[in-house]
Protein backbone atom coordinates (compact mmCIF):
# COMPACT_ATOMS: atom_id res chain seq x y z
CA MET A 1 -76.92 -6.54 -34.36
CA LYS A 2 -74.94 -7.84 -37.25
CA LYS A 3 -72.77 -10.06 -35.00
CA SER A 4 -75.88 -11.58 -33.37
CA PHE A 5 -77.26 -12.63 -36.75
CA LEU A 6 -73.84 -13.95 -37.87
CA LEU A 7 -73.45 -16.00 -34.86
CA LEU A 8 -76.98 -17.50 -35.27
CA PHE A 9 -76.29 -18.18 -39.02
CA LEU A 10 -72.98 -19.86 -38.23
CA LEU A 11 -74.63 -21.94 -35.36
CA SER A 12 -77.52 -22.94 -37.83
CA LEU A 13 -75.04 -24.12 -40.38
CA THR A 14 -73.50 -26.41 -37.72
CA VAL A 15 -76.73 -27.98 -36.54
CA GLN A 16 -78.39 -27.91 -40.11
CA TYR A 17 -75.73 -30.42 -41.09
CA ALA A 18 -76.60 -32.73 -38.29
CA GLN A 19 -80.29 -32.20 -39.00
CA ILE A 20 -80.25 -33.76 -42.44
CA ASN A 21 -82.31 -36.89 -41.36
CA PHE A 22 -83.14 -40.13 -42.74
CA GLU A 23 -86.89 -40.17 -43.12
CA LYS A 24 -89.24 -43.08 -43.81
CA GLY A 25 -89.74 -43.66 -47.35
CA TYR A 26 -89.42 -46.37 -50.14
CA TYR A 27 -88.02 -47.12 -53.52
CA ILE A 28 -89.20 -49.33 -56.38
CA ASP A 29 -86.51 -51.30 -58.31
CA ASN A 30 -86.31 -52.42 -61.84
CA SER A 31 -88.18 -55.59 -61.08
CA GLY A 32 -91.13 -53.65 -59.59
CA LYS A 33 -90.39 -54.56 -56.16
CA ILE A 34 -91.18 -52.03 -53.47
CA ILE A 35 -88.47 -51.65 -50.73
CA GLU A 36 -89.45 -49.69 -47.64
CA GLY A 37 -86.80 -48.03 -45.35
CA PHE A 38 -85.29 -44.53 -44.68
CA ILE A 39 -84.09 -42.05 -47.20
CA LYS A 40 -81.84 -39.19 -46.51
CA ASN A 41 -83.85 -36.00 -47.16
CA VAL A 42 -81.52 -33.41 -48.61
CA GLU A 43 -84.40 -31.42 -49.92
CA TRP A 44 -83.21 -31.54 -53.42
CA ARG A 45 -83.17 -28.39 -55.26
CA ASN A 46 -82.06 -30.03 -58.45
CA ASN A 47 -83.59 -33.23 -59.54
CA PRO A 48 -81.27 -36.07 -58.31
CA THR A 49 -79.70 -38.99 -60.01
CA THR A 50 -78.75 -40.79 -56.72
CA PHE A 51 -80.07 -41.04 -53.10
CA GLU A 52 -78.94 -42.60 -49.96
CA PHE A 53 -81.11 -45.28 -48.35
CA LYS A 54 -80.98 -47.49 -45.22
CA SER A 55 -83.24 -50.34 -44.64
CA GLN A 56 -82.72 -49.68 -40.80
CA LEU A 57 -81.62 -46.35 -39.10
CA TYR A 58 -78.70 -48.10 -37.57
CA GLN A 59 -77.34 -49.35 -40.86
CA VAL A 60 -74.64 -47.85 -43.00
CA PRO A 61 -76.34 -46.05 -45.94
CA GLN A 62 -76.39 -47.42 -49.47
CA GLN A 63 -76.45 -45.34 -52.62
CA LYS A 64 -79.13 -46.00 -55.07
CA THR A 65 -79.02 -44.74 -58.63
CA ILE A 66 -81.31 -43.75 -61.48
CA GLU A 67 -80.16 -46.91 -63.38
CA ASN A 68 -81.53 -49.24 -60.79
CA VAL A 69 -84.63 -47.35 -59.23
CA LYS A 70 -87.83 -46.56 -61.22
CA GLU A 71 -89.21 -44.50 -58.36
CA PHE A 72 -88.54 -43.27 -54.90
CA GLY A 73 -90.13 -41.02 -52.25
CA ILE A 74 -90.36 -39.92 -48.75
CA TYR A 75 -93.92 -40.36 -47.11
CA ASN A 76 -96.01 -37.32 -46.90
CA ASN A 77 -93.23 -35.26 -48.53
CA VAL A 78 -91.74 -35.76 -52.03
CA LYS A 79 -91.77 -38.39 -54.82
CA PHE A 80 -89.64 -38.80 -57.88
CA LYS A 81 -90.28 -41.04 -60.84
CA ARG A 82 -87.88 -42.21 -63.65
CA PHE A 83 -88.67 -41.66 -67.32
CA THR A 84 -86.84 -41.32 -70.63
CA VAL A 85 -88.17 -38.09 -71.98
CA ASP A 86 -87.45 -35.37 -74.65
CA ILE A 87 -86.06 -32.26 -72.82
CA ASP A 88 -85.02 -28.97 -74.18
CA ARG A 89 -81.94 -27.67 -72.25
CA SER A 90 -81.85 -24.20 -73.74
CA LEU A 91 -80.31 -21.83 -71.15
CA PRO A 92 -82.35 -18.56 -70.12
CA SER A 93 -79.14 -16.31 -69.68
CA VAL A 94 -78.52 -13.75 -72.50
CA THR A 95 -75.11 -14.89 -73.19
CA ALA A 96 -76.08 -18.42 -73.74
CA MET A 97 -79.55 -17.92 -75.11
CA SER A 98 -80.65 -19.48 -78.26
CA THR A 99 -81.59 -17.53 -81.35
CA THR A 100 -84.39 -19.88 -82.45
CA SER A 101 -87.80 -20.35 -80.97
CA LYS A 102 -87.88 -24.00 -81.65
CA PRO A 103 -86.96 -26.19 -78.60
CA ASP A 104 -83.93 -28.31 -79.00
CA PHE A 105 -85.09 -31.65 -77.68
CA HIS A 106 -82.74 -34.56 -76.64
CA LYS A 107 -83.80 -37.76 -74.92
CA GLU A 108 -82.63 -38.32 -71.42
CA LEU A 109 -83.17 -40.55 -68.47
CA LEU A 110 -84.35 -38.31 -65.58
CA PHE A 111 -85.97 -38.47 -62.17
CA LEU A 112 -89.10 -36.10 -62.52
CA LYS A 113 -90.36 -34.66 -59.22
CA VAL A 114 -94.15 -35.20 -58.83
CA LEU A 115 -96.12 -31.95 -58.11
CA VAL A 116 -99.73 -33.14 -58.78
CA GLU A 117 -100.36 -36.77 -59.12
CA GLY A 118 -103.55 -37.78 -61.06
CA ASN A 119 -104.42 -38.20 -64.79
CA PRO A 120 -102.73 -36.16 -66.08
CA THR A 121 -99.80 -35.92 -63.61
CA LEU A 122 -97.69 -32.82 -63.36
CA TYR A 123 -93.88 -33.08 -62.88
CA LYS A 124 -90.99 -30.73 -62.48
CA TYR A 125 -87.34 -30.77 -63.39
CA VAL A 126 -84.64 -28.48 -62.06
CA ASP A 127 -81.04 -28.43 -62.91
CA ASP A 128 -79.49 -25.23 -61.75
CA GLU A 129 -81.02 -22.37 -63.96
CA ILE A 130 -82.92 -24.95 -66.10
CA ILE A 131 -86.63 -25.26 -65.02
CA ARG A 132 -88.95 -27.49 -66.98
CA PHE A 133 -92.44 -28.93 -66.32
CA PHE A 134 -93.82 -32.10 -67.74
CA TYR A 135 -97.42 -33.50 -68.11
CA HIS A 136 -98.15 -37.12 -68.20
CA LYS A 137 -101.41 -38.74 -69.39
CA GLN A 138 -101.95 -42.25 -68.38
CA GLY A 139 -100.43 -44.78 -71.06
CA GLU A 140 -98.25 -42.05 -72.61
CA THR A 141 -94.77 -40.89 -72.23
CA PRO A 142 -94.41 -37.47 -70.18
CA LYS A 143 -94.15 -34.44 -72.40
CA GLN A 144 -92.47 -31.15 -71.62
CA LEU A 145 -94.67 -28.08 -71.43
CA VAL A 146 -92.89 -25.83 -73.80
CA TYR A 147 -91.69 -22.48 -72.73
CA LYS A 148 -88.36 -20.90 -74.09
CA LYS A 149 -86.75 -17.52 -74.20
CA TYR A 150 -84.72 -16.79 -77.30
CA LYS A 151 -82.98 -13.71 -78.69
CA THR A 152 -83.82 -12.29 -82.11
CA ALA A 153 -81.59 -10.96 -84.80
CA TYR A 154 -79.91 -7.65 -84.01
CA ASN A 155 -81.25 -4.35 -85.06
CA THR A 156 -80.51 -4.12 -88.74
CA LYS A 157 -79.55 -0.42 -88.40
CA ASN A 158 -76.77 -1.33 -86.18
CA GLU A 159 -75.03 -4.69 -86.75
CA SER A 160 -72.90 -4.45 -83.70
CA GLN A 161 -73.78 -7.29 -81.15
CA ASP A 162 -74.42 -4.87 -78.38
CA TYR A 163 -76.88 -6.04 -75.62
CA ASP A 164 -78.74 -2.80 -76.14
CA ASN A 165 -79.80 -4.00 -79.63
CA LEU A 166 -81.12 -7.41 -78.33
CA VAL A 167 -84.67 -8.24 -78.47
CA ILE A 168 -85.71 -11.05 -76.11
CA LYS A 169 -88.75 -13.09 -77.17
CA GLU A 170 -90.64 -15.95 -75.73
CA ASN A 171 -92.12 -19.32 -77.03
CA LYS A 172 -95.20 -19.93 -74.86
CA TYR A 173 -96.41 -23.01 -76.54
CA TYR A 174 -97.18 -24.59 -73.18
CA LYS A 175 -100.42 -22.39 -73.21
CA PHE A 176 -101.67 -24.26 -76.34
CA GLN A 177 -100.71 -27.60 -74.60
CA LEU A 178 -102.74 -26.92 -71.68
CA LYS A 179 -105.76 -25.78 -73.69
CA GLU A 180 -105.52 -29.16 -75.61
CA LEU A 181 -104.94 -31.07 -72.26
CA PHE A 182 -107.92 -29.69 -70.54
CA LYS A 183 -110.41 -29.25 -73.43
CA ASP A 184 -112.62 -32.04 -72.18
CA CYS A 185 -113.73 -30.02 -69.21
CA SER A 186 -116.63 -27.58 -69.65
CA GLN A 187 -115.13 -25.02 -67.22
CA PHE A 188 -112.02 -24.72 -69.34
CA LYS A 189 -113.55 -24.34 -72.75
CA ASN A 190 -113.28 -20.44 -72.81
CA LYS A 191 -110.57 -20.09 -70.36
CA ASP A 192 -107.73 -17.69 -70.96
CA TYR A 193 -104.50 -19.75 -70.33
CA ASN A 194 -102.55 -16.54 -69.64
CA ILE A 195 -100.67 -18.15 -66.83
CA PRO A 196 -96.95 -17.89 -65.86
CA TYR A 197 -94.59 -20.71 -66.24
CA LYS A 198 -94.37 -21.17 -62.52
CA THR A 199 -94.72 -23.86 -60.08
CA ASN A 200 -97.73 -22.59 -58.03
CA SER A 201 -99.64 -21.45 -61.17
CA LEU A 202 -99.32 -24.80 -62.87
CA ILE A 203 -100.30 -26.76 -59.66
CA ASP A 204 -103.42 -24.60 -59.33
CA ILE A 205 -104.61 -25.31 -62.77
CA PHE A 206 -104.02 -28.96 -62.66
CA LYS A 207 -105.94 -29.08 -59.39
CA LYS A 208 -108.82 -27.16 -60.89
CA TYR A 209 -109.04 -29.62 -63.88
CA HIS A 210 -109.03 -32.67 -61.61
CA LYS A 211 -111.85 -31.10 -59.45
CA CYS A 212 -113.70 -30.26 -62.80
CA LYS A 213 -113.39 -33.95 -63.83
CA GLY A 214 -114.40 -35.24 -60.24
CA GLN A 215 -111.03 -37.03 -60.15
CA SER A 216 -108.69 -37.95 -57.19
CA PHE A 217 -105.39 -36.38 -57.11
CA VAL A 218 -102.56 -35.80 -54.57
CA VAL A 219 -100.45 -32.45 -54.42
CA TYR A 220 -96.71 -33.01 -53.25
CA ASN A 221 -95.59 -29.55 -53.36
CA LYS A 222 -96.99 -28.54 -49.93
CA LYS A 223 -94.33 -26.09 -48.73
CA ARG A 224 -96.03 -22.84 -47.52
CA ALA A 225 -94.94 -19.98 -45.56
CA LYS A 226 -97.18 -19.57 -42.36
CA PHE A 227 -98.04 -17.11 -39.73
CA ASN A 228 -97.99 -18.16 -35.99
CA LEU A 229 -99.21 -16.31 -32.85
CA TRP A 230 -98.33 -17.34 -29.34
CA LEU A 231 -99.25 -16.13 -25.89
CA GLN A 232 -96.22 -15.80 -23.57
CA ALA A 233 -95.80 -15.43 -19.86
CA GLY A 234 -92.75 -15.83 -17.66
CA VAL A 235 -90.21 -14.37 -15.29
CA THR A 236 -87.29 -11.98 -15.54
CA ASN A 237 -84.26 -11.70 -13.27
CA SER A 238 -82.42 -8.39 -13.58
CA ILE A 239 -79.53 -6.57 -12.14
CA THR A 240 -78.03 -3.11 -12.70
CA ASP A 241 -75.57 -0.56 -11.39
CA LEU A 242 -74.62 3.06 -11.85
CA GLU A 243 -71.25 3.89 -12.88
CA SER A 244 -69.03 6.86 -14.03
CA THR A 245 -68.36 7.16 -17.66
CA THR A 246 -65.06 8.91 -17.14
CA ASP A 247 -63.15 6.44 -14.72
CA GLY A 248 -65.62 3.39 -14.83
CA LYS A 249 -66.11 3.75 -10.88
CA VAL A 250 -69.25 1.87 -9.71
CA TYR A 251 -71.17 3.95 -7.30
CA PHE A 252 -73.53 1.13 -6.37
CA THR A 253 -75.10 -2.02 -7.58
CA LEU A 254 -78.85 -2.47 -7.13
CA PRO A 255 -80.20 -5.75 -5.91
CA ARG A 256 -81.35 -8.60 -8.22
CA ASN A 257 -85.00 -8.49 -8.86
CA THR A 258 -87.39 -11.14 -10.07
CA SER A 259 -90.61 -10.01 -11.83
CA PHE A 260 -93.28 -11.23 -14.22
CA THR A 261 -93.30 -10.53 -18.04
CA PHE A 262 -96.24 -11.03 -20.38
CA GLY A 263 -96.51 -10.80 -24.21
CA PHE A 264 -96.96 -12.22 -27.56
CA TYR A 265 -94.82 -13.95 -30.08
CA PHE A 266 -95.78 -13.34 -33.75
CA SER A 267 -93.77 -15.33 -36.29
CA TYR A 268 -93.51 -16.00 -40.05
CA THR A 269 -92.42 -19.57 -40.90
CA LEU A 270 -90.16 -19.54 -44.03
CA PRO A 271 -91.12 -22.26 -46.78
CA LEU A 272 -87.60 -23.68 -46.78
CA ASN A 273 -85.33 -26.15 -45.11
CA LYS A 274 -88.21 -28.07 -43.76
CA ASN A 275 -90.01 -24.93 -42.10
CA LYS A 276 -87.12 -24.63 -39.87
CA TRP A 277 -86.38 -20.80 -40.10
CA GLU A 278 -88.79 -18.21 -38.66
CA ILE A 279 -88.87 -14.39 -38.58
CA PHE A 280 -90.47 -13.14 -35.55
CA ILE A 281 -91.62 -10.15 -33.49
CA GLU A 282 -92.03 -10.71 -29.69
CA PRO A 283 -93.54 -7.54 -27.99
CA SER A 284 -93.75 -7.93 -24.13
CA ILE A 285 -94.00 -5.94 -20.99
CA GLN A 286 -91.09 -6.04 -18.48
CA SER A 287 -90.36 -4.59 -15.03
CA TYR A 288 -87.56 -3.99 -12.59
CA ASP A 289 -88.53 -2.44 -9.36
CA THR A 290 -86.45 -2.43 -6.20
CA LYS A 291 -88.53 0.14 -4.13
CA LEU A 292 -89.22 -2.53 -1.57
CA SER A 293 -85.56 -3.33 -1.17
CA LYS A 294 -83.84 0.10 -0.89
CA LEU A 295 -80.17 0.38 -0.24
CA LYS A 296 -78.96 2.45 2.84
CA ASN A 297 -78.92 5.71 0.98
CA GLY A 298 -82.55 5.09 -0.51
CA GLU A 299 -81.16 4.10 -4.07
CA TYR A 300 -83.55 2.22 -6.08
CA ILE A 301 -84.70 1.64 -9.79
CA HIS A 302 -88.15 1.84 -10.95
CA PHE A 303 -88.16 0.30 -14.59
CA LYS A 304 -91.30 -0.45 -16.65
CA ASN A 305 -90.70 -1.33 -20.22
CA PHE A 306 -92.30 -2.17 -23.49
CA SER A 307 -89.79 -4.51 -25.26
CA PHE A 308 -89.87 -5.11 -28.99
CA PRO A 309 -87.52 -7.92 -30.21
CA PHE A 310 -87.41 -8.73 -33.98
CA GLY A 311 -85.21 -11.49 -35.13
CA MET A 312 -84.77 -15.01 -36.48
CA LYS A 313 -85.28 -18.39 -34.92
CA TYR A 314 -84.05 -21.75 -36.15
CA ASN A 315 -85.82 -25.01 -35.10
CA MET A 316 -84.20 -28.35 -34.89
CA PHE A 317 -85.97 -31.78 -34.72
CA ILE A 318 -85.08 -34.26 -31.92
CA GLY A 319 -84.07 -37.39 -33.76
CA GLN A 320 -86.91 -38.76 -36.06
CA ASN A 321 -89.63 -37.23 -33.96
CA VAL A 322 -91.02 -34.13 -35.35
CA ASP A 323 -93.30 -33.40 -32.33
CA TYR A 324 -90.25 -32.49 -30.31
CA LYS A 325 -88.08 -29.45 -31.25
CA VAL A 326 -85.12 -27.39 -29.83
CA PHE A 327 -84.48 -24.05 -31.09
CA VAL A 328 -81.99 -21.18 -30.97
CA LYS A 329 -82.89 -17.62 -31.79
CA THR A 330 -81.41 -14.14 -31.79
CA ALA A 331 -83.07 -10.67 -31.92
CA TYR A 332 -82.32 -6.96 -32.05
CA VAL A 333 -84.56 -5.33 -29.18
CA LEU A 334 -85.99 -1.92 -28.92
CA ASP A 335 -86.82 -0.91 -25.32
CA MET A 336 -89.34 1.79 -24.68
CA PRO A 337 -89.66 2.69 -20.91
CA TYR A 338 -92.83 4.11 -19.50
CA ASP A 339 -94.53 5.21 -16.25
CA GLU A 340 -91.61 7.60 -15.44
CA SER A 341 -89.04 4.93 -15.26
CA ALA A 342 -85.94 6.10 -13.27
CA ILE A 343 -83.05 5.42 -11.12
CA ASP A 344 -83.16 7.23 -7.82
CA VAL A 345 -79.89 7.78 -5.90
CA GLY A 346 -81.40 9.02 -3.06
CA THR A 347 -79.65 12.48 -2.96
CA TYR A 348 -80.05 13.82 -6.42
CA THR A 349 -82.73 14.15 -8.97
CA PRO A 350 -83.59 10.64 -10.30
CA TYR A 351 -81.97 9.74 -13.59
CA GLN A 352 -84.50 9.19 -16.16
CA ILE A 353 -84.39 5.89 -18.20
CA GLU A 354 -84.53 6.60 -21.75
CA ASN A 355 -85.27 4.48 -24.99
CA HIS A 356 -82.50 2.19 -25.72
CA SER A 357 -81.87 -1.05 -27.66
CA HIS A 358 -79.76 -4.25 -27.22
CA VAL A 359 -79.11 -7.81 -28.55
CA MET A 360 -80.90 -10.90 -27.21
CA PHE A 361 -80.07 -14.52 -27.51
CA GLY A 362 -82.23 -17.37 -26.69
CA ALA A 363 -82.77 -21.23 -26.73
CA GLY A 364 -85.71 -23.56 -25.91
CA PHE A 365 -87.89 -26.62 -26.37
CA ALA A 366 -91.17 -26.93 -28.18
CA TYR A 367 -93.66 -29.80 -28.19
CA LYS A 368 -96.04 -30.21 -31.19
CA ASP A 369 -95.83 -26.72 -32.08
CA THR A 370 -98.09 -25.89 -29.21
CA TYR A 371 -96.22 -25.63 -26.02
CA ARG A 372 -92.85 -24.07 -25.61
CA ILE A 373 -90.29 -23.28 -22.86
CA GLU A 374 -87.31 -21.08 -23.39
CA VAL A 375 -84.55 -19.00 -21.84
CA ASN A 376 -83.55 -15.67 -23.24
CA TYR A 377 -80.35 -13.78 -22.15
CA ASN A 378 -80.51 -9.96 -22.87
CA LEU A 379 -77.07 -8.69 -23.31
CA GLN A 380 -75.91 -5.91 -20.96
CA ARG A 381 -76.87 -2.37 -22.24
CA ASN A 382 -76.83 1.20 -20.83
CA ILE A 383 -80.29 2.32 -19.99
CA LEU A 384 -79.31 5.91 -19.27
CA ASN A 385 -78.57 8.80 -21.68
CA TYR A 386 -76.21 11.11 -19.46
CA VAL A 387 -72.88 12.24 -20.24
CA TYR A 388 -71.20 11.23 -16.97
CA ARG A 389 -73.31 8.33 -15.86
CA ASN A 390 -74.04 4.83 -17.25
CA SER A 391 -76.43 2.09 -15.86
CA MET A 392 -75.68 -1.20 -17.20
CA LEU A 393 -78.70 -3.59 -17.15
CA THR A 394 -78.51 -7.31 -17.64
CA MET A 395 -81.66 -9.42 -17.84
CA LEU A 396 -82.37 -13.19 -17.85
CA GLU A 397 -85.89 -14.34 -19.02
CA VAL A 398 -87.66 -17.59 -18.66
CA LYS A 399 -90.82 -17.98 -20.73
CA LEU A 400 -93.71 -20.42 -21.30
CA SER A 401 -95.79 -20.05 -24.55
CA TYR A 402 -99.01 -21.39 -25.97
CA ARG A 403 -99.73 -21.15 -29.58
CA ILE A 404 -103.27 -19.71 -30.46
CA LEU A 405 -102.80 -19.45 -34.24
């Protein structure tokens, strides 16, 4: 199981590098001119100071810098605006934490990420462990919403600077700032501003204010995890044998069998890397029955199985078109046979097929997140639980899927 997930991870790192695409966007230069083209989307965790731009996809990219660009964005995705602002860069780690509650402001030229655009606008700035939010009223300079952790003096009874004697406090001035900012809305007059200094919490309160005032606004932070449910149907092609565990001798190989499979695919799309990662469960019913094609001594397999794969899937866009995707996946599979599944060797008591597990790899193609075709290879596994006999089953699946949720 660990090997399968490791292989998928290494493969995804390779394809992910190739999947960092140039997407339709724009920038505004210092003269106010809007230049449209394509911007390399690296899903900036930290606020950038540079970015790569192409006027046409076939061109060599140019590097644009904060000194020459007032604003840039990728359409329907992200926007950054340049400002000279006062920012407090106090660190939150205990070893580097300030001993004063007062912010230590310094003027800096920064690209601020737009979260909610309106009047006022909410911005975010990230530089590793430093996370700051800003608000911007029309005609004014953006101001930082102040939140700061600081450590107080050590316990007077024990002057040793031991972490056990530290008291960590918080300056939550941002709550007062929000109260002043939203005081002209009747719904906020008696509001308790006990909200965390977090992205989603601040986005929500800015949205509520704009709705209260009847103002238009745009939210740019739209990453959300989501659930998906697919119906699946397909065919399986299976083959197995019966062999000795002592000398590896194969007594016979049962004929290949093609049968139908039905099931569901339930997934949770992670809100990262442009929604390319999914965690999934894929329950299905499988069968492998050779009663109608017995060997000369009457050997056959009767195998009906509840299959429960759970694993990870990585999606990749084809070129610039997000309607078309290819994907790779891997899963750890639990198999639960039913209906007296067994291998009958003709002359002895049938060997009962027991619960077992294995690893599966797959790849496929999806269109508009609605239709999908895929091929899954289930690695060879022993389906018996006997001391002197093994039966190694290999299965290949081709599935069609339709998303219903």
